Amino acid sequence: MWPRSEAVRIQTPARKTQRGTSLVELIVLIVVVGIVVTAAMGALGTLSVRSADPLVQRQALAVAQSLLDEALAQPTPDGDALGPEPGESRGSATAPFNHVNDYNGYATTGIRNFDGTPVAALESYNANISVRPQAVGNVPAADGWWVEVRVTGPGGAEVVLAGWHARLSG
């Protein structure tokens, strides 16, 4: 028997430090990334559905602004009744609207260019224009016209623009 002080000691080689990840760590990472991606996709899905609304509003606003500018660019009438004279129509080559009050009662289903051709992608928009005599300040109602353009887009989105047109004298 060996004396205690001379006992043979068995030495094991030093363990190297581990590199990489364990299976448990990998599974936890996959679960966390899956939760984050699911939440992000849900948020993006909600945003994409709502992102169409501003587009409809902007298109309706552009149509309303265009029609309002067109009507306000016309001269004031000289005693004409509200609405177009017989035979007049918007964009007609022979008898177009020639006064601001001719636009009263104008309505269209689907937006059309001035020449009457439909505008692609705006078939589901509707426009209505009303014109009425309106006094403002020192301008009497006989010399002032209030023009209101109402455009309705898909889903009931509505834009209303109005402007005032006065006869300039002097």
N, C-alpha and C. Protein backbone atom coordinates (compact mmCIF):
# COMPACT_ATOMS: atom_id res chain seq x y z
N MET A 1 0.80 -1.15 0.00
CA MET A 1 0.00 0.00 0.00
C MET A 1 0.87 1.24 0.00
N TRP A 2 0.34 2.12 -0.58
CA TRP A 2 1.08 3.37 -0.73
C TRP A 2 0.83 4.26 0.46
N PRO A 3 1.81 4.93 0.82
CA PRO A 3 1.58 5.89 1.91
C PRO A 3 0.68 7.02 1.42
N ARG A 4 -0.05 7.54 2.31
CA ARG A 4 -1.01 8.57 1.95
C ARG A 4 -0.35 9.75 1.28
N SER A 5 0.74 10.10 1.68
CA SER A 5 1.37 11.27 1.09
C SER A 5 1.84 11.00 -0.32
N GLU A 6 2.03 9.77 -0.62
CA GLU A 6 2.50 9.45 -1.95
C GLU A 6 1.40 8.91 -2.85
N ALA A 7 0.19 9.17 -2.53
CA ALA A 7 -0.93 8.67 -3.34
C ALA A 7 -0.86 9.26 -4.74
N VAL A 8 -1.23 8.47 -5.64
CA VAL A 8 -1.20 8.92 -7.03
C VAL A 8 -2.44 9.78 -7.27
N ARG A 9 -2.17 10.86 -7.80
CA ARG A 9 -3.29 11.75 -8.13
C ARG A 9 -3.53 11.67 -9.62
N ILE A 10 -4.75 11.48 -9.93
CA ILE A 10 -5.09 11.43 -11.35
C ILE A 10 -5.55 12.84 -11.73
N GLN A 11 -4.89 13.33 -12.71
CA GLN A 11 -5.25 14.67 -13.17
C GLN A 11 -6.03 14.56 -14.47
N THR A 12 -7.08 15.32 -14.53
CA THR A 12 -7.85 15.37 -15.78
C THR A 12 -7.44 16.62 -16.54
N PRO A 13 -7.45 16.52 -17.83
CA PRO A 13 -7.08 17.71 -18.59
C PRO A 13 -8.08 18.84 -18.33
N ALA A 14 -7.60 20.05 -18.36
CA ALA A 14 -8.45 21.21 -18.11
C ALA A 14 -9.53 21.30 -19.21
N ARG A 15 -10.74 21.56 -18.78
CA ARG A 15 -11.84 21.66 -19.77
C ARG A 15 -11.72 22.97 -20.51
N LYS A 16 -11.98 22.90 -21.78
CA LYS A 16 -11.98 24.10 -22.58
C LYS A 16 -13.29 24.84 -22.33
N THR A 17 -13.31 26.17 -22.49
CA THR A 17 -14.54 26.92 -22.31
C THR A 17 -15.46 26.62 -23.48
N GLN A 18 -16.75 26.55 -23.20
CA GLN A 18 -17.71 26.20 -24.23
C GLN A 18 -17.94 27.38 -25.16
N ARG A 19 -18.19 27.05 -26.41
CA ARG A 19 -18.52 28.07 -27.39
C ARG A 19 -19.87 27.70 -27.99
N GLY A 20 -20.63 28.76 -28.51
CA GLY A 20 -21.91 28.50 -29.13
C GLY A 20 -23.04 28.61 -28.13
N THR A 21 -24.20 28.13 -28.53
CA THR A 21 -25.36 28.22 -27.66
C THR A 21 -25.92 26.84 -27.41
N SER A 22 -26.63 26.76 -26.34
CA SER A 22 -27.24 25.48 -26.03
C SER A 22 -28.59 25.38 -26.75
N LEU A 23 -29.14 24.24 -26.78
CA LEU A 23 -30.43 24.02 -27.43
C LEU A 23 -31.52 24.84 -26.75
N VAL A 24 -31.48 24.95 -25.45
CA VAL A 24 -32.48 25.72 -24.71
C VAL A 24 -32.40 27.20 -25.10
N GLU A 25 -31.19 27.73 -25.17
CA GLU A 25 -31.03 29.14 -25.56
C GLU A 25 -31.54 29.38 -26.98
N LEU A 26 -31.28 28.46 -27.86
CA LEU A 26 -31.74 28.58 -29.24
C LEU A 26 -33.27 28.58 -29.32
N ILE A 27 -33.92 27.72 -28.59
CA ILE A 27 -35.38 27.65 -28.59
C ILE A 27 -35.97 28.93 -28.01
N VAL A 28 -35.40 29.44 -26.94
CA VAL A 28 -35.89 30.70 -26.35
C VAL A 28 -35.75 31.84 -27.35
N LEU A 29 -34.64 31.91 -28.07
CA LEU A 29 -34.42 32.94 -29.07
C LEU A 29 -35.47 32.86 -30.18
N ILE A 30 -35.74 31.66 -30.65
CA ILE A 30 -36.74 31.47 -31.71
C ILE A 30 -38.12 31.92 -31.24
N VAL A 31 -38.49 31.60 -30.04
CA VAL A 31 -39.79 31.99 -29.50
C VAL A 31 -39.89 33.51 -29.39
N VAL A 32 -38.86 34.16 -28.88
CA VAL A 32 -38.87 35.62 -28.72
C VAL A 32 -38.95 36.31 -30.08
N VAL A 33 -38.14 35.87 -31.03
CA VAL A 33 -38.18 36.46 -32.37
C VAL A 33 -39.55 36.23 -33.01
N GLY A 34 -40.14 35.08 -32.83
CA GLY A 34 -41.47 34.81 -33.37
C GLY A 34 -42.52 35.74 -32.80
N ILE A 35 -42.46 36.01 -31.51
CA ILE A 35 -43.42 36.93 -30.88
C ILE A 35 -43.24 38.34 -31.42
N VAL A 36 -42.01 38.79 -31.56
CA VAL A 36 -41.74 40.13 -32.07
C VAL A 36 -42.23 40.27 -33.51
N VAL A 37 -41.94 39.29 -34.35
CA VAL A 37 -42.36 39.34 -35.76
C VAL A 37 -43.88 39.32 -35.86
N THR A 38 -44.55 38.51 -35.06
CA THR A 38 -46.01 38.45 -35.08
C THR A 38 -46.61 39.79 -34.68
N ALA A 39 -46.09 40.42 -33.65
CA ALA A 39 -46.60 41.72 -33.22
C ALA A 39 -46.37 42.78 -34.30
N ALA A 40 -45.20 42.77 -34.92
CA ALA A 40 -44.89 43.75 -35.97
C ALA A 40 -45.80 43.56 -37.18
N MET A 41 -46.04 42.34 -37.58
CA MET A 41 -46.90 42.08 -38.73
C MET A 41 -48.35 42.50 -38.45
N GLY A 42 -48.79 42.27 -37.22
CA GLY A 42 -50.14 42.71 -36.85
C GLY A 42 -50.28 44.21 -36.92
N ALA A 43 -49.28 44.94 -36.44
CA ALA A 43 -49.31 46.41 -36.49
C ALA A 43 -49.26 46.90 -37.94
N LEU A 44 -48.43 46.29 -38.76
CA LEU A 44 -48.33 46.70 -40.16
C LEU A 44 -49.62 46.40 -40.92
N GLY A 45 -50.27 45.30 -40.59
CA GLY A 45 -51.53 44.97 -41.24
C GLY A 45 -52.60 46.00 -40.93
N THR A 46 -52.66 46.44 -39.68
CA THR A 46 -53.62 47.48 -39.29
C THR A 46 -53.31 48.79 -40.00
N LEU A 47 -52.05 49.15 -40.08
CA LEU A 47 -51.66 50.39 -40.75
C LEU A 47 -51.96 50.34 -42.24
N SER A 48 -51.76 49.21 -42.87
CA SER A 48 -52.00 49.14 -44.31
C SER A 48 -53.48 49.28 -44.64
N VAL A 49 -54.35 48.78 -43.78
CA VAL A 49 -55.79 48.94 -44.00
C VAL A 49 -56.17 50.41 -43.88
N ARG A 50 -55.61 51.11 -42.91
CA ARG A 50 -55.93 52.52 -42.70
C ARG A 50 -55.23 53.43 -43.69
N SER A 51 -54.19 52.98 -44.34
CA SER A 51 -53.44 53.85 -45.24
C SER A 51 -54.22 54.19 -46.49
N ALA A 52 -55.25 53.44 -46.83
CA ALA A 52 -56.05 53.76 -48.01
C ALA A 52 -56.93 54.98 -47.77
N ASP A 53 -57.35 55.22 -46.54
CA ASP A 53 -58.21 56.36 -46.24
C ASP A 53 -57.58 57.69 -46.61
N PRO A 54 -56.34 57.97 -46.27
CA PRO A 54 -55.76 59.25 -46.68
C PRO A 54 -55.68 59.40 -48.20
N LEU A 55 -55.48 58.31 -48.91
CA LEU A 55 -55.43 58.38 -50.36
C LEU A 55 -56.78 58.79 -50.92
N VAL A 56 -57.85 58.20 -50.41
CA VAL A 56 -59.20 58.55 -50.86
C VAL A 56 -59.48 60.02 -50.55
N GLN A 57 -59.10 60.46 -49.34
CA GLN A 57 -59.32 61.86 -48.96
C GLN A 57 -58.53 62.80 -49.87
N ARG A 58 -57.28 62.46 -50.17
CA ARG A 58 -56.47 63.32 -51.03
C ARG A 58 -57.01 63.38 -52.45
N GLN A 59 -57.47 62.25 -52.96
CA GLN A 59 -58.03 62.26 -54.31
C GLN A 59 -59.31 63.07 -54.36
N ALA A 60 -60.17 62.91 -53.35
CA ALA A 60 -61.40 63.69 -53.29
C ALA A 60 -61.09 65.18 -53.17
N LEU A 61 -60.09 65.52 -52.38
CA LEU A 61 -59.69 66.92 -52.23
C LEU A 61 -59.17 67.49 -53.55
N ALA A 62 -58.39 66.71 -54.27
CA ALA A 62 -57.85 67.17 -55.56
C ALA A 62 -58.97 67.39 -56.57
N VAL A 63 -59.95 66.51 -56.60
CA VAL A 63 -61.09 66.66 -57.51
C VAL A 63 -61.89 67.89 -57.13
N ALA A 64 -62.18 68.06 -55.84
CA ALA A 64 -62.96 69.21 -55.39
C ALA A 64 -62.24 70.52 -55.71
N GLN A 65 -60.94 70.56 -55.46
CA GLN A 65 -60.17 71.78 -55.75
C GLN A 65 -60.17 72.10 -57.23
N SER A 66 -60.05 71.09 -58.06
CA SER A 66 -60.05 71.29 -59.51
C SER A 66 -61.39 71.85 -59.99
N LEU A 67 -62.48 71.27 -59.52
CA LEU A 67 -63.80 71.75 -59.92
C LEU A 67 -64.08 73.16 -59.39
N LEU A 68 -63.67 73.42 -58.16
CA LEU A 68 -63.86 74.76 -57.59
C LEU A 68 -63.07 75.80 -58.38
N ASP A 69 -61.83 75.50 -58.70
CA ASP A 69 -61.01 76.42 -59.50
C ASP A 69 -61.63 76.67 -60.87
N GLU A 70 -62.14 75.61 -61.47
CA GLU A 70 -62.78 75.73 -62.79
C GLU A 70 -63.99 76.66 -62.72
N ALA A 71 -64.84 76.47 -61.72
CA ALA A 71 -66.04 77.30 -61.61
C ALA A 71 -65.70 78.75 -61.28
N LEU A 72 -64.75 78.95 -60.35
CA LEU A 72 -64.41 80.32 -59.95
C LEU A 72 -63.67 81.09 -61.04
N ALA A 73 -63.12 80.38 -62.01
CA ALA A 73 -62.41 81.04 -63.10
C ALA A 73 -63.37 81.66 -64.12
N GLN A 74 -64.66 81.29 -64.06
CA GLN A 74 -65.64 81.81 -65.00
C GLN A 74 -66.05 83.24 -64.62
N PRO A 75 -66.46 84.03 -65.60
CA PRO A 75 -66.93 85.39 -65.28
C PRO A 75 -68.28 85.36 -64.58
N THR A 76 -68.63 86.48 -63.95
CA THR A 76 -69.93 86.58 -63.29
C THR A 76 -71.01 86.81 -64.35
N PRO A 77 -72.20 86.33 -64.09
CA PRO A 77 -73.28 86.48 -65.07
C PRO A 77 -73.88 87.88 -65.04
N ASP A 78 -74.54 88.24 -66.10
CA ASP A 78 -75.27 89.51 -66.17
C ASP A 78 -76.76 89.22 -66.15
N GLY A 79 -77.28 88.97 -64.97
CA GLY A 79 -78.71 88.75 -64.83
C GLY A 79 -79.19 87.36 -65.20
N ASP A 80 -78.31 86.43 -65.48
CA ASP A 80 -78.74 85.06 -65.81
C ASP A 80 -79.34 84.38 -64.59
N ALA A 81 -80.23 83.45 -64.83
CA ALA A 81 -80.78 82.63 -63.75
C ALA A 81 -79.73 81.61 -63.32
N LEU A 82 -79.92 81.06 -62.14
CA LEU A 82 -79.01 80.01 -61.68
C LEU A 82 -79.10 78.80 -62.59
N GLY A 83 -77.98 78.20 -62.84
CA GLY A 83 -77.92 77.01 -63.68
C GLY A 83 -77.56 77.38 -65.10
N PRO A 84 -77.23 76.37 -65.90
CA PRO A 84 -76.83 76.65 -67.28
C PRO A 84 -78.01 77.09 -68.14
N GLU A 85 -77.69 77.86 -69.18
CA GLU A 85 -78.71 78.22 -70.15
C GLU A 85 -79.03 76.98 -70.99
N PRO A 86 -80.16 76.96 -71.66
CA PRO A 86 -80.52 75.79 -72.47
C PRO A 86 -79.42 75.45 -73.48
N GLY A 87 -79.04 74.18 -73.52
CA GLY A 87 -78.03 73.70 -74.44
C GLY A 87 -76.61 73.73 -73.91
N GLU A 88 -76.38 74.44 -72.80
CA GLU A 88 -75.02 74.51 -72.25
C GLU A 88 -74.71 73.26 -71.43
N SER A 89 -73.47 72.83 -71.48
CA SER A 89 -73.01 71.73 -70.63
C SER A 89 -71.51 71.90 -70.40
N ARG A 90 -71.06 71.34 -69.32
CA ARG A 90 -69.63 71.45 -68.98
C ARG A 90 -68.81 70.75 -70.06
N GLY A 91 -67.85 71.45 -70.61
CA GLY A 91 -66.95 70.87 -71.58
C GLY A 91 -67.48 70.78 -73.00
N SER A 92 -68.66 71.30 -73.25
CA SER A 92 -69.21 71.25 -74.59
C SER A 92 -68.35 72.10 -75.54
N ALA A 93 -68.12 71.60 -76.73
CA ALA A 93 -67.33 72.35 -77.71
C ALA A 93 -68.12 73.52 -78.28
N THR A 94 -69.45 73.40 -78.32
CA THR A 94 -70.27 74.45 -78.92
C THR A 94 -70.93 75.36 -77.90
N ALA A 95 -71.33 74.83 -76.74
CA ALA A 95 -72.00 75.65 -75.73
C ALA A 95 -71.52 75.27 -74.33
N PRO A 96 -70.29 75.63 -73.98
CA PRO A 96 -69.78 75.28 -72.65
C PRO A 96 -70.33 76.25 -71.59
N PHE A 97 -70.17 75.86 -70.34
CA PHE A 97 -70.52 76.77 -69.25
C PHE A 97 -69.68 78.04 -69.46
N ASN A 98 -70.34 79.20 -69.40
CA ASN A 98 -69.61 80.44 -69.63
C ASN A 98 -69.74 81.44 -68.50
N HIS A 99 -70.42 81.06 -67.41
CA HIS A 99 -70.53 81.91 -66.23
C HIS A 99 -70.44 81.02 -64.99
N VAL A 100 -70.07 81.63 -63.88
CA VAL A 100 -69.93 80.88 -62.65
C VAL A 100 -71.25 80.23 -62.24
N ASN A 101 -72.38 80.91 -62.47
CA ASN A 101 -73.66 80.36 -62.03
C ASN A 101 -74.12 79.18 -62.87
N ASP A 102 -73.50 78.95 -64.03
CA ASP A 102 -73.86 77.79 -64.86
C ASP A 102 -73.54 76.47 -64.16
N TYR A 103 -72.64 76.49 -63.20
CA TYR A 103 -72.23 75.27 -62.49
C TYR A 103 -73.25 74.85 -61.43
N ASN A 104 -74.23 75.71 -61.14
CA ASN A 104 -75.23 75.34 -60.14
C ASN A 104 -75.98 74.10 -60.59
N GLY A 105 -76.01 73.09 -59.73
CA GLY A 105 -76.71 71.85 -60.03
C GLY A 105 -75.89 70.85 -60.81
N TYR A 106 -74.64 71.19 -61.14
CA TYR A 106 -73.81 70.22 -61.86
C TYR A 106 -73.54 69.03 -60.95
N ALA A 107 -73.73 67.83 -61.47
CA ALA A 107 -73.47 66.60 -60.72
C ALA A 107 -72.91 65.57 -61.68
N THR A 108 -72.01 64.77 -61.16
CA THR A 108 -71.44 63.70 -61.97
C THR A 108 -71.21 62.47 -61.11
N THR A 109 -71.49 61.32 -61.69
CA THR A 109 -71.16 60.04 -61.07
C THR A 109 -69.94 59.52 -61.81
N GLY A 110 -68.85 59.42 -61.11
CA GLY A 110 -67.58 59.13 -61.75
C GLY A 110 -67.00 60.45 -62.24
N ILE A 111 -65.76 60.69 -61.94
CA ILE A 111 -65.14 61.97 -62.28
C ILE A 111 -64.74 61.95 -63.75
N ARG A 112 -65.03 63.06 -64.41
CA ARG A 112 -64.75 63.19 -65.84
C ARG A 112 -63.88 64.39 -66.10
N ASN A 113 -63.05 64.28 -67.13
CA ASN A 113 -62.25 65.42 -67.59
C ASN A 113 -63.19 66.47 -68.16
N PHE A 114 -62.62 67.64 -68.46
CA PHE A 114 -63.42 68.73 -69.01
C PHE A 114 -64.10 68.32 -70.32
N ASP A 115 -63.44 67.47 -71.09
CA ASP A 115 -64.02 67.05 -72.38
C ASP A 115 -65.03 65.90 -72.24
N GLY A 116 -65.28 65.45 -71.01
CA GLY A 116 -66.28 64.41 -70.77
C GLY A 116 -65.75 63.01 -70.66
N THR A 117 -64.45 62.80 -70.92
CA THR A 117 -63.89 61.45 -70.81
C THR A 117 -63.71 61.08 -69.34
N PRO A 118 -64.03 59.84 -68.98
CA PRO A 118 -63.88 59.42 -67.58
C PRO A 118 -62.41 59.39 -67.17
N VAL A 119 -62.16 59.73 -65.92
CA VAL A 119 -60.81 59.67 -65.36
C VAL A 119 -60.62 58.30 -64.74
N ALA A 120 -59.62 57.58 -65.22
CA ALA A 120 -59.35 56.23 -64.71
C ALA A 120 -59.12 56.27 -63.21
N ALA A 121 -59.62 55.30 -62.51
CA ALA A 121 -59.47 55.10 -61.07
C ALA A 121 -60.33 56.06 -60.24
N LEU A 122 -61.11 56.93 -60.88
CA LEU A 122 -61.99 57.82 -60.11
C LEU A 122 -63.46 57.55 -60.44
N GLU A 123 -63.76 56.35 -60.92
CA GLU A 123 -65.12 56.00 -61.28
C GLU A 123 -66.06 55.94 -60.08
N SER A 124 -65.51 55.69 -58.89
CA SER A 124 -66.35 55.55 -57.70
C SER A 124 -66.49 56.85 -56.91
N TYR A 125 -66.05 57.96 -57.49
CA TYR A 125 -66.20 59.27 -56.86
C TYR A 125 -67.38 60.01 -57.50
N ASN A 126 -68.07 60.81 -56.72
CA ASN A 126 -69.18 61.62 -57.21
C ASN A 126 -68.92 63.07 -56.84
N ALA A 127 -69.38 63.98 -57.69
CA ALA A 127 -69.19 65.41 -57.41
C ALA A 127 -70.50 66.15 -57.65
N ASN A 128 -70.77 67.13 -56.81
CA ASN A 128 -71.94 68.00 -56.93
C ASN A 128 -71.48 69.44 -56.67
N ILE A 129 -72.02 70.36 -57.46
CA ILE A 129 -71.68 71.78 -57.29
C ILE A 129 -72.97 72.56 -57.10
N SER A 130 -72.95 73.44 -56.10
CA SER A 130 -74.08 74.36 -55.93
C SER A 130 -73.54 75.78 -55.92
N VAL A 131 -74.29 76.68 -56.52
CA VAL A 131 -73.92 78.09 -56.61
C VAL A 131 -75.12 78.91 -56.16
N ARG A 132 -74.87 79.93 -55.35
CA ARG A 132 -75.97 80.80 -54.93
C ARG A 132 -75.45 82.23 -54.80
N PRO A 133 -76.30 83.21 -55.01
CA PRO A 133 -75.89 84.59 -54.79
C PRO A 133 -75.57 84.79 -53.31
N GLN A 134 -74.52 85.55 -53.04
CA GLN A 134 -74.10 85.73 -51.65
C GLN A 134 -73.48 87.11 -51.48
N ALA A 135 -74.04 87.88 -50.57
CA ALA A 135 -73.46 89.19 -50.24
C ALA A 135 -72.35 88.99 -49.21
N VAL A 136 -71.30 89.73 -49.37
CA VAL A 136 -70.21 89.71 -48.40
C VAL A 136 -69.69 91.14 -48.25
N GLY A 137 -69.69 91.63 -47.03
CA GLY A 137 -69.20 92.99 -46.80
C GLY A 137 -69.98 94.01 -47.60
N ASN A 138 -69.28 94.81 -48.39
CA ASN A 138 -69.91 95.85 -49.21
C ASN A 138 -70.38 95.34 -50.57
N VAL A 139 -70.17 94.07 -50.84
CA VAL A 139 -70.57 93.49 -52.14
C VAL A 139 -71.98 92.94 -52.00
N PRO A 140 -72.94 93.45 -52.80
CA PRO A 140 -74.32 92.95 -52.70
C PRO A 140 -74.43 91.54 -53.30
N ALA A 141 -75.53 90.87 -52.96
CA ALA A 141 -75.75 89.50 -53.44
C ALA A 141 -75.82 89.43 -54.96
N ALA A 142 -76.23 90.50 -55.60
CA ALA A 142 -76.30 90.51 -57.06
C ALA A 142 -74.92 90.45 -57.70
N ASP A 143 -73.88 90.77 -56.94
CA ASP A 143 -72.52 90.78 -57.48
C ASP A 143 -71.61 89.72 -56.85
N GLY A 144 -72.13 88.89 -55.97
CA GLY A 144 -71.31 87.87 -55.31
C GLY A 144 -71.93 86.49 -55.46
N TRP A 145 -71.08 85.50 -55.62
CA TRP A 145 -71.54 84.12 -55.81
C TRP A 145 -70.77 83.19 -54.90
N TRP A 146 -71.49 82.40 -54.13
CA TRP A 146 -70.91 81.39 -53.26
C TRP A 146 -70.96 80.05 -53.99
N VAL A 147 -69.79 79.44 -54.18
CA VAL A 147 -69.70 78.17 -54.91
C VAL A 147 -69.27 77.09 -53.92
N GLU A 148 -70.02 76.01 -53.87
CA GLU A 148 -69.71 74.90 -52.97
C GLU A 148 -69.59 73.62 -53.79
N VAL A 149 -68.45 72.94 -53.64
CA VAL A 149 -68.20 71.69 -54.34
C VAL A 149 -68.15 70.57 -53.30
N ARG A 150 -68.93 69.53 -53.53
CA ARG A 150 -68.99 68.38 -52.61
C ARG A 150 -68.58 67.14 -53.41
N VAL A 151 -67.52 66.48 -52.96
CA VAL A 151 -67.04 65.26 -53.61
C VAL A 151 -67.13 64.12 -52.61
N THR A 152 -67.73 63.02 -53.05
CA THR A 152 -67.86 61.83 -52.21
C THR A 152 -67.05 60.71 -52.85
N GLY A 153 -66.19 60.08 -52.03
CA GLY A 153 -65.35 59.00 -52.51
C GLY A 153 -65.81 57.66 -52.01
N PRO A 154 -65.06 56.61 -52.31
CA PRO A 154 -65.39 55.27 -51.84
C PRO A 154 -65.48 55.22 -50.31
N GLY A 155 -66.40 54.45 -49.81
CA GLY A 155 -66.54 54.31 -48.37
C GLY A 155 -67.20 55.51 -47.71
N GLY A 156 -67.76 56.43 -48.49
CA GLY A 156 -68.45 57.58 -47.92
C GLY A 156 -67.55 58.74 -47.55
N ALA A 157 -66.27 58.67 -47.90
CA ALA A 157 -65.37 59.79 -47.60
C ALA A 157 -65.86 61.02 -48.36
N GLU A 158 -66.00 62.13 -47.66
CA GLU A 158 -66.56 63.33 -48.29
C GLU A 158 -65.66 64.54 -48.05
N VAL A 159 -65.52 65.34 -49.09
CA VAL A 159 -64.76 66.60 -49.00
C VAL A 159 -65.66 67.70 -49.53
N VAL A 160 -65.74 68.80 -48.80
CA VAL A 160 -66.52 69.95 -49.23
C VAL A 160 -65.60 71.15 -49.26
N LEU A 161 -65.53 71.80 -50.42
CA LEU A 161 -64.76 73.04 -50.57
C LEU A 161 -65.71 74.12 -51.05
N ALA A 162 -65.48 75.34 -50.60
CA ALA A 162 -66.33 76.45 -51.02
C ALA A 162 -65.46 77.67 -51.29
N GLY A 163 -65.97 78.51 -52.16
CA GLY A 163 -65.27 79.74 -52.49
C GLY A 163 -66.26 80.82 -52.88
N TRP A 164 -65.81 82.03 -52.87
CA TRP A 164 -66.68 83.16 -53.16
C TRP A 164 -66.12 83.88 -54.38
N HIS A 165 -67.02 84.25 -55.28
CA HIS A 165 -66.63 84.91 -56.53
C HIS A 165 -67.42 86.22 -56.61
N ALA A 166 -66.75 87.32 -56.88
CA ALA A 166 -67.42 88.61 -56.94
C ALA A 166 -67.21 89.28 -58.28
N ARG A 167 -68.19 90.07 -58.66
CA ARG A 167 -68.07 90.88 -59.87
C ARG A 167 -67.16 92.06 -59.53
N LEU A 168 -66.15 92.22 -60.34
CA LEU A 168 -65.24 93.35 -60.12
C LEU A 168 -65.71 94.50 -61.00
N SER A 169 -65.98 95.60 -60.38
CA SER A 169 -66.42 96.76 -61.15
C SER A 169 -65.37 97.85 -61.02
N GLY A 170 -65.37 98.71 -61.98
CA GLY A 170 -64.47 99.83 -61.83
C GLY A 170 -63.58 99.92 -62.94
